[in-house]
Amino acid sequence: MDKLKARYHSPVVIIGSQTSDNLFMSRYDDGYPFNLYRGAFNPFGGNPTVKERERGLGPLETLSREIEEEIDPAASIDSNWLPQEKILTLQKSVLKGLIPVVDLYVNAPQVEGGRPVHQFIYSVFQTSIPEGNIEIARQGIEEGKKIITEGFPGITTLDDLRQGKDRLAHSSALIFKHVFNDKKGFPCLIPGATATPIGMPRKSYRDYAEIDYDTKAFRE
């Protein structure tokens, strides 16, 4: 049996409120190289490193590192930022309850303003944080404070994403369709993209024996 090719392996997390359908996500700014996704929402996450692969680590460790880097209290060095203690509260609450949900193998065709044709894996996690912590982020956004180190933060709702009032970047709509079992909502910016479940997020990248990773899938 031929191996599945993967250009990326992106552990990501859906951060929701414990008591509402509010979501805390990142958004791409105007400097993002693929203009189709500028201003669109995307789950927090990122790509693994060569060292993580060599050490036998897996998606959970990559995601935890990415959260620590993106929601980083040490970045709050002046009044333009949300205070360190509030960023730390957000970071800790996100890291506290990371639950593995599914590995999705995505086949994405080329779309104008987006990436070329590519195949990759989303290792999807969820976490629920107190509504009060969502409000910490919302207040910071309303005051124009920096909260995250990449792009800018956003608060949205499941309904707004389902109805397309807020856009989901890349093919992340496919994550929401699967996780929330909703095949009609969550418009995808990549028409024709598909997502196939291939199990649960695994302990180590070495456990993905059926995947033929691109040489650049693990960054230095």
N, C-alpha and C. Protein backbone atom coordinates (compact mmCIF):
# COMPACT_ATOMS: atom_id res chain seq x y z
N MET A 1 0.83 -1.20 0.00
CA MET A 1 0.00 0.00 0.00
C MET A 1 0.87 1.25 0.00
N ASP A 2 0.59 2.18 -0.91
CA ASP A 2 1.36 3.40 -1.00
C ASP A 2 1.13 4.27 0.24
N LYS A 3 2.19 4.98 0.63
CA LYS A 3 2.07 5.88 1.77
C LYS A 3 1.33 7.15 1.36
N LEU A 4 0.72 7.80 2.36
CA LEU A 4 0.07 9.09 2.15
C LEU A 4 1.13 10.18 2.22
N LYS A 5 1.14 11.07 1.25
CA LYS A 5 2.11 12.16 1.26
C LYS A 5 1.56 13.33 2.09
N ALA A 6 2.45 13.96 2.84
CA ALA A 6 2.04 15.10 3.67
C ALA A 6 3.08 16.20 3.62
N ARG A 7 2.66 17.37 3.18
CA ARG A 7 3.55 18.54 3.13
C ARG A 7 3.65 19.19 4.52
N TYR A 8 2.60 19.09 5.30
CA TYR A 8 2.57 19.68 6.64
C TYR A 8 1.95 18.68 7.61
N HIS A 9 2.21 18.89 8.89
CA HIS A 9 1.48 18.21 9.95
C HIS A 9 1.23 19.27 11.01
N SER A 10 0.00 19.72 11.12
CA SER A 10 -0.33 20.88 11.95
C SER A 10 -1.22 20.49 13.12
N PRO A 11 -0.66 20.36 14.33
CA PRO A 11 -1.51 20.22 15.51
C PRO A 11 -2.20 21.56 15.81
N VAL A 12 -3.51 21.52 16.01
CA VAL A 12 -4.29 22.75 16.24
C VAL A 12 -5.29 22.50 17.36
N VAL A 13 -5.80 23.58 17.95
CA VAL A 13 -6.76 23.45 19.04
C VAL A 13 -7.95 24.39 18.83
N ILE A 14 -9.14 23.86 19.05
CA ILE A 14 -10.35 24.67 19.11
C ILE A 14 -10.53 25.09 20.57
N ILE A 15 -10.46 26.39 20.83
CA ILE A 15 -10.58 26.92 22.19
C ILE A 15 -11.97 27.49 22.37
N GLY A 16 -12.79 26.83 23.17
CA GLY A 16 -14.16 27.27 23.37
C GLY A 16 -14.42 27.64 24.82
N SER A 17 -15.53 28.36 25.03
CA SER A 17 -15.96 28.70 26.38
C SER A 17 -16.63 27.49 27.02
N GLN A 18 -16.54 27.41 28.34
CA GLN A 18 -17.20 26.34 29.09
C GLN A 18 -18.71 26.52 29.15
N THR A 19 -19.19 27.75 28.91
CA THR A 19 -20.62 28.02 29.14
C THR A 19 -21.32 28.71 27.97
N SER A 20 -20.65 28.91 26.85
CA SER A 20 -21.28 29.54 25.69
C SER A 20 -20.65 28.98 24.43
N ASP A 21 -21.10 29.48 23.27
CA ASP A 21 -20.48 29.01 22.01
C ASP A 21 -19.40 29.97 21.53
N ASN A 22 -18.89 30.82 22.43
CA ASN A 22 -17.79 31.71 22.08
C ASN A 22 -16.50 30.93 21.88
N LEU A 23 -15.70 31.41 20.93
CA LEU A 23 -14.42 30.79 20.61
C LEU A 23 -13.32 31.85 20.63
N PHE A 24 -12.17 31.47 21.14
CA PHE A 24 -10.98 32.32 21.12
C PHE A 24 -10.04 31.75 20.07
N MET A 25 -9.75 32.56 19.04
CA MET A 25 -8.95 32.09 17.92
C MET A 25 -7.94 33.16 17.52
N SER A 26 -7.07 32.80 16.61
CA SER A 26 -6.17 33.78 16.01
C SER A 26 -6.74 34.21 14.66
N ARG A 27 -6.27 35.36 14.18
CA ARG A 27 -6.68 35.85 12.86
C ARG A 27 -5.42 36.30 12.11
N TYR A 28 -5.46 36.15 10.81
CA TYR A 28 -4.32 36.58 10.01
C TYR A 28 -4.38 38.07 9.74
N ASP A 29 -3.23 38.72 9.83
CA ASP A 29 -3.18 40.16 9.59
C ASP A 29 -2.90 40.44 8.11
N ASP A 30 -2.77 41.71 7.78
CA ASP A 30 -2.60 42.13 6.39
C ASP A 30 -1.23 41.78 5.83
N GLY A 31 -0.33 41.33 6.68
CA GLY A 31 0.99 40.93 6.20
C GLY A 31 1.08 39.46 5.84
N TYR A 32 0.00 38.72 6.01
CA TYR A 32 0.04 37.29 5.71
C TYR A 32 0.23 37.10 4.20
N PRO A 33 1.13 36.21 3.78
CA PRO A 33 1.47 36.13 2.35
C PRO A 33 0.34 35.67 1.43
N PHE A 34 -0.64 34.93 1.95
CA PHE A 34 -1.75 34.46 1.12
C PHE A 34 -2.96 35.35 1.38
N ASN A 35 -3.22 36.27 0.43
CA ASN A 35 -4.19 37.32 0.70
C ASN A 35 -5.62 36.83 0.89
N LEU A 36 -5.94 35.63 0.39
CA LEU A 36 -7.29 35.10 0.57
C LEU A 36 -7.64 34.94 2.04
N TYR A 37 -6.63 34.69 2.89
CA TYR A 37 -6.89 34.38 4.28
C TYR A 37 -6.71 35.56 5.23
N ARG A 38 -6.35 36.71 4.71
CA ARG A 38 -6.15 37.88 5.58
C ARG A 38 -7.46 38.26 6.26
N GLY A 39 -7.40 38.41 7.57
CA GLY A 39 -8.59 38.74 8.35
C GLY A 39 -9.40 37.53 8.76
N ALA A 40 -9.07 36.35 8.25
CA ALA A 40 -9.84 35.13 8.55
C ALA A 40 -9.36 34.51 9.86
N PHE A 41 -10.25 33.76 10.47
CA PHE A 41 -9.97 33.08 11.74
C PHE A 41 -9.29 31.74 11.48
N ASN A 42 -8.42 31.35 12.44
CA ASN A 42 -7.72 30.08 12.33
C ASN A 42 -7.45 29.55 13.73
N PRO A 43 -7.58 28.24 13.95
CA PRO A 43 -7.26 27.71 15.28
C PRO A 43 -5.79 27.93 15.62
N PHE A 44 -5.51 28.10 16.90
CA PHE A 44 -4.12 28.18 17.35
C PHE A 44 -3.42 26.85 17.07
N GLY A 45 -2.16 26.94 16.70
CA GLY A 45 -1.39 25.73 16.44
C GLY A 45 -0.19 26.06 15.58
N GLY A 46 0.44 25.03 15.03
CA GLY A 46 1.62 25.27 14.21
C GLY A 46 2.23 23.98 13.72
N ASN A 47 3.48 24.04 13.37
CA ASN A 47 4.16 22.91 12.76
C ASN A 47 5.29 22.37 13.64
N PRO A 48 5.53 21.07 13.58
CA PRO A 48 6.56 20.46 14.43
C PRO A 48 7.97 20.80 13.96
N THR A 49 8.91 20.58 14.87
CA THR A 49 10.32 20.82 14.55
C THR A 49 11.04 19.49 14.35
N VAL A 50 12.20 19.58 13.73
CA VAL A 50 13.05 18.40 13.55
C VAL A 50 13.42 17.81 14.91
N LYS A 51 13.72 18.67 15.88
CA LYS A 51 14.10 18.18 17.21
C LYS A 51 12.96 17.42 17.88
N GLU A 52 11.74 17.90 17.69
CA GLU A 52 10.59 17.20 18.28
C GLU A 52 10.45 15.80 17.68
N ARG A 53 10.63 15.71 16.38
CA ARG A 53 10.56 14.39 15.74
C ARG A 53 11.68 13.49 16.23
N GLU A 54 12.91 14.02 16.29
CA GLU A 54 14.06 13.22 16.69
C GLU A 54 13.95 12.76 18.14
N ARG A 55 13.30 13.54 18.98
CA ARG A 55 13.14 13.18 20.40
C ARG A 55 11.97 12.25 20.63
N GLY A 56 11.24 11.90 19.58
CA GLY A 56 10.12 11.00 19.72
C GLY A 56 8.86 11.67 20.25
N LEU A 57 8.81 13.01 20.15
CA LEU A 57 7.63 13.74 20.61
C LEU A 57 6.55 13.70 19.55
N GLY A 58 5.36 14.19 19.90
CA GLY A 58 4.24 14.12 18.99
C GLY A 58 3.42 15.39 18.96
N PRO A 59 2.23 15.33 18.39
CA PRO A 59 1.39 16.52 18.20
C PRO A 59 1.07 17.28 19.50
N LEU A 60 0.87 16.57 20.61
CA LEU A 60 0.54 17.26 21.86
C LEU A 60 1.68 18.18 22.29
N GLU A 61 2.91 17.69 22.19
CA GLU A 61 4.05 18.52 22.60
C GLU A 61 4.23 19.71 21.65
N THR A 62 4.04 19.49 20.36
CA THR A 62 4.13 20.59 19.40
C THR A 62 3.08 21.65 19.70
N LEU A 63 1.84 21.21 19.92
CA LEU A 63 0.76 22.15 20.18
C LEU A 63 1.02 22.93 21.47
N SER A 64 1.46 22.26 22.50
CA SER A 64 1.74 22.93 23.77
C SER A 64 2.82 23.99 23.60
N ARG A 65 3.87 23.64 22.85
CA ARG A 65 4.93 24.64 22.59
C ARG A 65 4.39 25.82 21.82
N GLU A 66 3.57 25.56 20.80
CA GLU A 66 3.03 26.64 20.00
C GLU A 66 2.15 27.58 20.83
N ILE A 67 1.36 27.02 21.73
CA ILE A 67 0.53 27.86 22.60
C ILE A 67 1.40 28.71 23.50
N GLU A 68 2.45 28.11 24.05
CA GLU A 68 3.36 28.86 24.91
C GLU A 68 4.04 29.99 24.14
N GLU A 69 4.31 29.77 22.86
CA GLU A 69 4.98 30.80 22.05
C GLU A 69 4.01 31.89 21.57
N GLU A 70 2.77 31.50 21.27
CA GLU A 70 1.81 32.45 20.71
C GLU A 70 1.06 33.23 21.79
N ILE A 71 0.77 32.57 22.91
CA ILE A 71 0.11 33.25 24.04
C ILE A 71 1.17 33.33 25.13
N ASP A 72 2.08 34.27 24.99
CA ASP A 72 3.31 34.30 25.77
C ASP A 72 3.35 35.53 26.67
N PRO A 73 3.21 35.36 27.98
CA PRO A 73 3.24 36.53 28.87
C PRO A 73 4.56 37.30 28.81
N ALA A 74 5.65 36.62 28.46
CA ALA A 74 6.94 37.31 28.37
C ALA A 74 6.97 38.33 27.25
N ALA A 75 6.04 38.22 26.29
CA ALA A 75 5.99 39.18 25.19
C ALA A 75 5.41 40.52 25.63
N SER A 76 4.71 40.54 26.76
CA SER A 76 4.07 41.76 27.24
C SER A 76 5.10 42.65 27.91
N ILE A 77 5.67 43.56 27.11
CA ILE A 77 6.78 44.36 27.63
C ILE A 77 6.44 45.85 27.74
N ASP A 78 5.26 46.25 27.26
CA ASP A 78 4.89 47.65 27.37
C ASP A 78 3.37 47.78 27.39
N SER A 79 2.88 49.01 27.43
CA SER A 79 1.46 49.27 27.61
C SER A 79 0.63 48.91 26.38
N ASN A 80 1.28 48.59 25.25
CA ASN A 80 0.53 48.16 24.07
C ASN A 80 -0.02 46.74 24.23
N TRP A 81 0.53 46.04 25.21
CA TRP A 81 0.16 44.64 25.42
C TRP A 81 -0.82 44.51 26.59
N LEU A 82 -1.61 43.44 26.53
CA LEU A 82 -2.38 43.03 27.69
C LEU A 82 -1.38 42.70 28.80
N PRO A 83 -1.70 43.02 30.07
CA PRO A 83 -0.75 42.73 31.15
C PRO A 83 -0.35 41.26 31.21
N GLN A 84 0.88 41.05 31.66
CA GLN A 84 1.43 39.70 31.70
C GLN A 84 0.55 38.71 32.44
N GLU A 85 -0.01 39.14 33.59
CA GLU A 85 -0.78 38.20 34.40
C GLU A 85 -2.05 37.74 33.68
N LYS A 86 -2.62 38.61 32.84
CA LYS A 86 -3.82 38.23 32.10
C LYS A 86 -3.47 37.27 30.95
N ILE A 87 -2.35 37.54 30.29
CA ILE A 87 -1.91 36.62 29.23
C ILE A 87 -1.56 35.26 29.82
N LEU A 88 -0.93 35.26 30.99
CA LEU A 88 -0.59 34.01 31.65
C LEU A 88 -1.85 33.23 32.04
N THR A 89 -2.88 33.94 32.49
CA THR A 89 -4.15 33.28 32.81
C THR A 89 -4.72 32.61 31.57
N LEU A 90 -4.70 33.30 30.44
CA LEU A 90 -5.18 32.72 29.19
C LEU A 90 -4.36 31.50 28.80
N GLN A 91 -3.04 31.65 28.85
CA GLN A 91 -2.16 30.56 28.44
C GLN A 91 -2.40 29.31 29.28
N LYS A 92 -2.44 29.48 30.59
CA LYS A 92 -2.60 28.33 31.49
C LYS A 92 -3.94 27.64 31.28
N SER A 93 -5.01 28.44 31.07
CA SER A 93 -6.32 27.83 30.91
C SER A 93 -6.41 27.04 29.61
N VAL A 94 -5.73 27.51 28.57
CA VAL A 94 -5.73 26.79 27.28
C VAL A 94 -4.94 25.49 27.41
N LEU A 95 -3.79 25.54 28.06
CA LEU A 95 -2.94 24.36 28.18
C LEU A 95 -3.52 23.31 29.12
N LYS A 96 -4.34 23.73 30.05
CA LYS A 96 -4.80 22.86 31.13
C LYS A 96 -5.60 21.65 30.65
N GLY A 97 -6.46 21.86 29.66
CA GLY A 97 -7.40 20.79 29.32
C GLY A 97 -7.37 20.37 27.87
N LEU A 98 -6.19 20.23 27.28
CA LEU A 98 -6.10 19.84 25.88
C LEU A 98 -6.56 18.39 25.69
N ILE A 99 -7.58 18.20 24.88
CA ILE A 99 -8.15 16.88 24.65
C ILE A 99 -7.98 16.51 23.18
N PRO A 100 -7.33 15.37 22.89
CA PRO A 100 -7.19 14.95 21.49
C PRO A 100 -8.54 14.54 20.91
N VAL A 101 -8.78 14.93 19.66
CA VAL A 101 -10.08 14.67 19.02
C VAL A 101 -9.94 13.76 17.80
N VAL A 102 -9.10 14.15 16.84
CA VAL A 102 -9.01 13.39 15.60
C VAL A 102 -7.80 13.85 14.79
N ASP A 103 -7.26 12.94 14.00
CA ASP A 103 -6.31 13.29 12.95
C ASP A 103 -7.07 13.32 11.63
N LEU A 104 -6.97 14.42 10.91
CA LEU A 104 -7.62 14.56 9.61
C LEU A 104 -6.56 14.69 8.53
N TYR A 105 -6.66 13.84 7.51
CA TYR A 105 -5.77 13.95 6.35
C TYR A 105 -6.49 14.79 5.30
N VAL A 106 -5.90 15.92 4.99
CA VAL A 106 -6.54 16.92 4.13
C VAL A 106 -5.88 16.93 2.76
N ASN A 107 -6.70 16.93 1.72
CA ASN A 107 -6.24 17.10 0.35
C ASN A 107 -6.83 18.40 -0.15
N ALA A 108 -5.98 19.38 -0.38
CA ALA A 108 -6.45 20.72 -0.72
C ALA A 108 -5.98 21.13 -2.12
N PRO A 109 -6.91 21.39 -3.03
CA PRO A 109 -6.53 21.88 -4.36
C PRO A 109 -6.07 23.33 -4.29
N GLN A 110 -5.48 23.80 -5.38
CA GLN A 110 -5.05 25.19 -5.43
C GLN A 110 -6.24 26.11 -5.54
N VAL A 111 -6.15 27.27 -4.91
CA VAL A 111 -7.19 28.28 -5.00
C VAL A 111 -6.51 29.64 -5.14
N GLU A 112 -7.11 30.52 -5.92
CA GLU A 112 -6.51 31.82 -6.15
C GLU A 112 -6.34 32.58 -4.84
N GLY A 113 -5.14 33.06 -4.61
CA GLY A 113 -4.84 33.80 -3.38
C GLY A 113 -4.44 32.91 -2.22
N GLY A 114 -4.43 31.57 -2.45
CA GLY A 114 -4.07 30.62 -1.39
C GLY A 114 -2.84 29.82 -1.76
N ARG A 115 -2.64 28.72 -1.07
CA ARG A 115 -1.48 27.86 -1.32
C ARG A 115 -1.67 27.04 -2.59
N PRO A 116 -0.57 26.55 -3.16
CA PRO A 116 -0.68 25.56 -4.24
C PRO A 116 -1.31 24.26 -3.72
N VAL A 117 -1.55 23.31 -4.60
CA VAL A 117 -2.07 22.00 -4.20
C VAL A 117 -1.19 21.41 -3.10
N HIS A 118 -1.83 20.89 -2.04
CA HIS A 118 -1.05 20.29 -0.97
C HIS A 118 -1.90 19.29 -0.19
N GLN A 119 -1.19 18.34 0.43
CA GLN A 119 -1.81 17.37 1.33
C GLN A 119 -1.11 17.50 2.69
N PHE A 120 -1.89 17.38 3.75
CA PHE A 120 -1.30 17.53 5.08
C PHE A 120 -2.21 16.92 6.13
N ILE A 121 -1.74 16.93 7.37
CA ILE A 121 -2.49 16.37 8.49
C ILE A 121 -2.80 17.48 9.49
N TYR A 122 -4.06 17.54 9.90
CA TYR A 122 -4.45 18.31 11.07
C TYR A 122 -4.56 17.33 12.24
N SER A 123 -3.78 17.53 13.30
CA SER A 123 -4.03 16.82 14.56
C SER A 123 -4.86 17.76 15.41
N VAL A 124 -6.13 17.41 15.60
CA VAL A 124 -7.09 18.33 16.20
C VAL A 124 -7.28 18.03 17.69
N PHE A 125 -7.20 19.09 18.48
CA PHE A 125 -7.46 19.04 19.92
C PHE A 125 -8.56 20.05 20.25
N GLN A 126 -9.19 19.87 21.40
CA GLN A 126 -10.13 20.85 21.92
C GLN A 126 -9.78 21.18 23.36
N THR A 127 -10.18 22.37 23.79
CA THR A 127 -10.10 22.72 25.21
C THR A 127 -11.21 23.72 25.51
N SER A 128 -11.73 23.64 26.72
CA SER A 128 -12.78 24.57 27.16
C SER A 128 -12.22 25.41 28.29
N ILE A 129 -12.38 26.73 28.18
CA ILE A 129 -11.86 27.63 29.20
C ILE A 129 -13.01 28.44 29.79
N PRO A 130 -12.84 28.99 30.99
CA PRO A 130 -13.92 29.77 31.61
C PRO A 130 -14.33 30.95 30.74
N GLU A 131 -15.63 31.26 30.75
CA GLU A 131 -16.12 32.42 29.99
C GLU A 131 -15.41 33.70 30.42
N GLY A 132 -15.05 33.76 31.70
CA GLY A 132 -14.32 34.94 32.17
C GLY A 132 -13.00 35.14 31.46
N ASN A 133 -12.35 34.05 31.07
CA ASN A 133 -11.09 34.17 30.34
C ASN A 133 -11.32 34.59 28.89
N ILE A 134 -12.44 34.14 28.32
CA ILE A 134 -12.84 34.65 27.00
C ILE A 134 -13.02 36.16 27.08
N GLU A 135 -13.63 36.63 28.17
CA GLU A 135 -13.87 38.06 28.33
C GLU A 135 -12.57 38.83 28.53
N ILE A 136 -11.57 38.20 29.15
CA ILE A 136 -10.26 38.84 29.25
C ILE A 136 -9.73 39.15 27.85
N ALA A 137 -9.84 38.14 26.97
CA ALA A 137 -9.38 38.35 25.59
C ALA A 137 -10.25 39.38 24.88
N ARG A 138 -11.57 39.31 25.06
CA ARG A 138 -12.45 40.25 24.38
C ARG A 138 -12.16 41.70 24.80
N GLN A 139 -11.96 41.90 26.10
CA GLN A 139 -11.67 43.26 26.57
C GLN A 139 -10.36 43.76 26.00
N GLY A 140 -9.36 42.88 25.95
CA GLY A 140 -8.08 43.29 25.38
C GLY A 140 -8.22 43.66 23.91
N ILE A 141 -9.00 42.89 23.17
CA ILE A 141 -9.23 43.18 21.76
C ILE A 141 -9.92 44.52 21.60
N GLU A 142 -10.95 44.77 22.41
CA GLU A 142 -11.70 46.04 22.34
C GLU A 142 -10.82 47.23 22.67
N GLU A 143 -9.84 47.02 23.53
CA GLU A 143 -8.94 48.12 23.92
C GLU A 143 -7.74 48.23 22.98
N GLY A 144 -7.69 47.36 21.98
CA GLY A 144 -6.59 47.41 21.01
C GLY A 144 -5.27 46.90 21.55
N LYS A 145 -5.32 46.04 22.56
CA LYS A 145 -4.09 45.51 23.16
C LYS A 145 -3.58 44.30 22.37
N LYS A 146 -2.28 44.15 22.34
CA LYS A 146 -1.69 42.94 21.79
C LYS A 146 -1.85 41.81 22.80
N ILE A 147 -2.18 40.62 22.29
CA ILE A 147 -2.39 39.46 23.16
C ILE A 147 -1.55 38.28 22.70
N ILE A 148 -1.37 38.16 21.39
CA ILE A 148 -0.63 37.01 20.84
C ILE A 148 0.52 37.52 19.99
N THR A 149 1.48 36.62 19.76
CA THR A 149 2.73 37.03 19.09
C THR A 149 2.67 36.91 17.58
N GLU A 150 1.65 36.21 17.04
CA GLU A 150 1.52 36.07 15.60
C GLU A 150 0.11 36.46 15.18
N GLY A 151 -0.01 37.28 14.12
CA GLY A 151 -1.33 37.72 13.69
C GLY A 151 -1.98 38.55 14.77
N PHE A 152 -3.30 38.46 14.87
CA PHE A 152 -3.99 39.16 15.95
C PHE A 152 -5.13 38.28 16.46
N PRO A 153 -5.58 38.52 17.71
CA PRO A 153 -6.56 37.63 18.32
C PRO A 153 -7.97 37.98 17.88
N GLY A 154 -8.86 37.00 18.04
CA GLY A 154 -10.26 37.24 17.69
C GLY A 154 -11.19 36.39 18.53
N ILE A 155 -12.38 36.93 18.78
CA ILE A 155 -13.45 36.19 19.43
C ILE A 155 -14.56 36.03 18.40
N THR A 156 -15.05 34.83 18.23
CA THR A 156 -16.16 34.57 17.32
C THR A 156 -17.07 33.54 17.97
N THR A 157 -18.10 33.13 17.27
CA THR A 157 -19.02 32.11 17.78
C THR A 157 -19.19 31.01 16.74
N LEU A 158 -19.65 29.87 17.19
CA LEU A 158 -19.91 28.78 16.27
C LEU A 158 -20.94 29.18 15.22
N ASP A 159 -21.98 29.90 15.65
CA ASP A 159 -23.02 30.31 14.70
C ASP A 159 -22.47 31.24 13.63
N ASP A 160 -21.63 32.20 14.04
CA ASP A 160 -21.07 33.14 13.05
C ASP A 160 -20.17 32.42 12.06
N LEU A 161 -19.46 31.40 12.52
CA LEU A 161 -18.62 30.61 11.61
C LEU A 161 -19.48 29.71 10.72
N ARG A 162 -20.51 29.12 11.29
CA ARG A 162 -21.40 28.27 10.50
C ARG A 162 -22.03 29.05 9.35
N GLN A 163 -22.45 30.27 9.65
CA GLN A 163 -23.17 31.08 8.67
C GLN A 163 -22.25 31.86 7.75
N GLY A 164 -20.95 31.78 7.99
CA GLY A 164 -20.00 32.49 7.14
C GLY A 164 -19.88 33.96 7.45
N LYS A 165 -20.45 34.41 8.59
CA LYS A 165 -20.29 35.82 8.97
C LYS A 165 -18.84 36.12 9.30
N ASP A 166 -18.16 35.14 9.89
CA ASP A 166 -16.71 35.19 10.08
C ASP A 166 -16.10 34.05 9.26
N ARG A 167 -15.01 34.35 8.57
CA ARG A 167 -14.41 33.36 7.67
C ARG A 167 -13.38 32.50 8.41
N LEU A 168 -13.30 31.25 8.01
CA LEU A 168 -12.27 30.34 8.51
C LEU A 168 -11.19 30.20 7.45
N ALA A 169 -9.94 30.42 7.85
CA ALA A 169 -8.82 30.40 6.91
C ALA A 169 -8.49 28.99 6.45
N HIS A 170 -7.78 28.93 5.32
CA HIS A 170 -7.30 27.64 4.78
C HIS A 170 -8.48 26.67 4.65
N SER A 171 -8.23 25.42 5.04
CA SER A 171 -9.30 24.41 5.02
C SER A 171 -9.76 24.07 6.44
N SER A 172 -9.57 25.01 7.38
CA SER A 172 -9.93 24.73 8.77
C SER A 172 -11.43 24.57 8.96
N ALA A 173 -12.23 25.02 7.98
CA ALA A 173 -13.67 24.74 8.04
C ALA A 173 -13.94 23.24 8.11
N LEU A 174 -13.07 22.45 7.50
CA LEU A 174 -13.25 21.00 7.51
C LEU A 174 -13.08 20.42 8.92
N ILE A 175 -12.25 21.05 9.73
CA ILE A 175 -12.12 20.64 11.13
C ILE A 175 -13.46 20.82 11.83
N PHE A 176 -14.05 21.99 11.66
CA PHE A 176 -15.30 22.30 12.36
C PHE A 176 -16.45 21.43 11.86
N LYS A 177 -16.47 21.16 10.57
CA LYS A 177 -17.50 20.28 10.03
C LYS A 177 -17.43 18.90 10.69
N HIS A 178 -16.21 18.41 10.87
CA HIS A 178 -16.04 17.08 11.46
C HIS A 178 -16.33 17.10 12.96
N VAL A 179 -15.71 18.02 13.68
CA VAL A 179 -15.82 18.04 15.14
C VAL A 179 -17.27 18.27 15.58
N PHE A 180 -17.97 19.16 14.87
CA PHE A 180 -19.33 19.50 15.27
C PHE A 180 -20.39 18.80 14.42
N ASN A 181 -19.94 17.81 13.63
CA ASN A 181 -20.85 16.98 12.84
C ASN A 181 -21.85 17.82 12.05
N ASP A 182 -21.33 18.80 11.33
CA ASP A 182 -22.18 19.74 10.59
C ASP A 182 -21.66 19.81 9.16
N LYS A 183 -22.32 19.14 8.24
CA LYS A 183 -21.84 19.06 6.86
C LYS A 183 -22.28 20.24 6.00
N LYS A 184 -23.24 21.03 6.48
CA LYS A 184 -23.76 22.13 5.67
C LYS A 184 -23.16 23.49 6.04
N GLY A 185 -22.85 23.66 7.33
CA GLY A 185 -22.30 24.93 7.76
C GLY A 185 -20.80 25.02 7.57
N PHE A 186 -20.20 26.08 8.12
CA PHE A 186 -18.77 26.32 8.07
C PHE A 186 -18.25 26.36 6.63
N PRO A 187 -18.55 27.41 5.88
CA PRO A 187 -18.07 27.52 4.50
C PRO A 187 -16.54 27.43 4.43
N CYS A 188 -16.07 26.68 3.45
CA CYS A 188 -14.63 26.46 3.28
C CYS A 188 -14.10 27.37 2.17
N LEU A 189 -12.96 28.02 2.43
CA LEU A 189 -12.36 28.90 1.44
C LEU A 189 -11.62 28.15 0.34
N ILE A 190 -11.52 26.82 0.48
CA ILE A 190 -10.88 26.02 -0.56
C ILE A 190 -11.92 25.03 -1.10
N PRO A 191 -12.69 25.43 -2.11
CA PRO A 191 -13.69 24.51 -2.69
C PRO A 191 -13.03 23.22 -3.17
N GLY A 192 -13.65 22.11 -2.85
CA GLY A 192 -13.12 20.82 -3.27
C GLY A 192 -12.15 20.18 -2.31
N ALA A 193 -11.76 20.88 -1.25
CA ALA A 193 -10.87 20.29 -0.25
C ALA A 193 -11.60 19.18 0.49
N THR A 194 -10.87 18.12 0.83
CA THR A 194 -11.46 16.99 1.55
C THR A 194 -10.64 16.70 2.80
N ALA A 195 -11.32 16.13 3.81
CA ALA A 195 -10.65 15.75 5.06
C ALA A 195 -11.10 14.36 5.45
N THR A 196 -10.15 13.45 5.56
CA THR A 196 -10.44 12.06 5.89
C THR A 196 -9.87 11.72 7.27
N PRO A 197 -10.68 11.24 8.21
CA PRO A 197 -10.15 10.84 9.51
C PRO A 197 -9.20 9.66 9.37
N ILE A 198 -8.06 9.73 10.05
CA ILE A 198 -7.08 8.63 10.01
C ILE A 198 -6.72 8.18 11.43
N GLY A 199 -7.65 8.38 12.36
CA GLY A 199 -7.40 7.95 13.73
C GLY A 199 -7.29 9.12 14.68
N MET A 200 -6.67 8.87 15.82
CA MET A 200 -6.48 9.87 16.86
C MET A 200 -5.06 10.42 16.83
N PRO A 201 -4.84 11.65 17.32
CA PRO A 201 -3.47 12.14 17.45
C PRO A 201 -2.61 11.16 18.24
N ARG A 202 -1.43 10.88 17.73
CA ARG A 202 -0.60 9.81 18.28
C ARG A 202 0.48 10.37 19.21
N LYS A 203 1.07 9.48 19.96
CA LYS A 203 2.05 9.89 20.96
C LYS A 203 3.29 10.49 20.33
N SER A 204 3.71 9.94 19.20
CA SER A 204 4.95 10.37 18.57
C SER A 204 4.76 10.47 17.06
N TYR A 205 5.52 11.37 16.44
CA TYR A 205 5.49 11.44 14.97
C TYR A 205 6.03 10.15 14.34
N ARG A 206 6.80 9.39 15.09
CA ARG A 206 7.29 8.12 14.60
C ARG A 206 6.16 7.11 14.40
N ASP A 207 5.03 7.36 15.07
CA ASP A 207 3.90 6.43 14.98
C ASP A 207 3.09 6.60 13.70
N TYR A 208 3.42 7.60 12.90
CA TYR A 208 2.71 7.83 11.64
C TYR A 208 3.45 7.12 10.51
N ALA A 209 3.53 5.80 10.63
CA ALA A 209 4.31 5.01 9.68
C ALA A 209 3.74 5.03 8.28
N GLU A 210 2.45 5.32 8.16
CA GLU A 210 1.82 5.32 6.84
C GLU A 210 1.96 6.65 6.11
N ILE A 211 2.65 7.60 6.73
CA ILE A 211 2.80 8.94 6.15
C ILE A 211 4.19 9.13 5.56
N ASP A 212 4.24 9.61 4.35
CA ASP A 212 5.49 10.00 3.70
C ASP A 212 5.59 11.52 3.80
N TYR A 213 6.35 11.99 4.78
CA TYR A 213 6.45 13.41 5.02
C TYR A 213 7.38 14.10 4.02
N ASP A 214 7.00 15.30 3.61
CA ASP A 214 7.87 16.15 2.83
C ASP A 214 9.11 16.48 3.67
N THR A 215 10.22 16.72 3.02
CA THR A 215 11.46 17.03 3.74
C THR A 215 11.35 18.30 4.57
N LYS A 216 10.40 19.19 4.23
CA LYS A 216 10.24 20.45 4.97
C LYS A 216 9.07 20.42 5.93
N ALA A 217 8.50 19.22 6.15
CA ALA A 217 7.36 19.13 7.06
C ALA A 217 7.76 19.45 8.51
N PHE A 218 9.02 19.16 8.82
CA PHE A 218 9.54 19.44 10.17
C PHE A 218 10.55 20.57 10.06
N ARG A 219 10.25 21.68 10.70
CA ARG A 219 11.11 22.85 10.53
C ARG A 219 12.30 22.80 11.49
N GLU A 220 13.36 23.50 11.09
CA GLU A 220 14.58 23.54 11.92
C GLU A 220 14.35 24.38 13.16
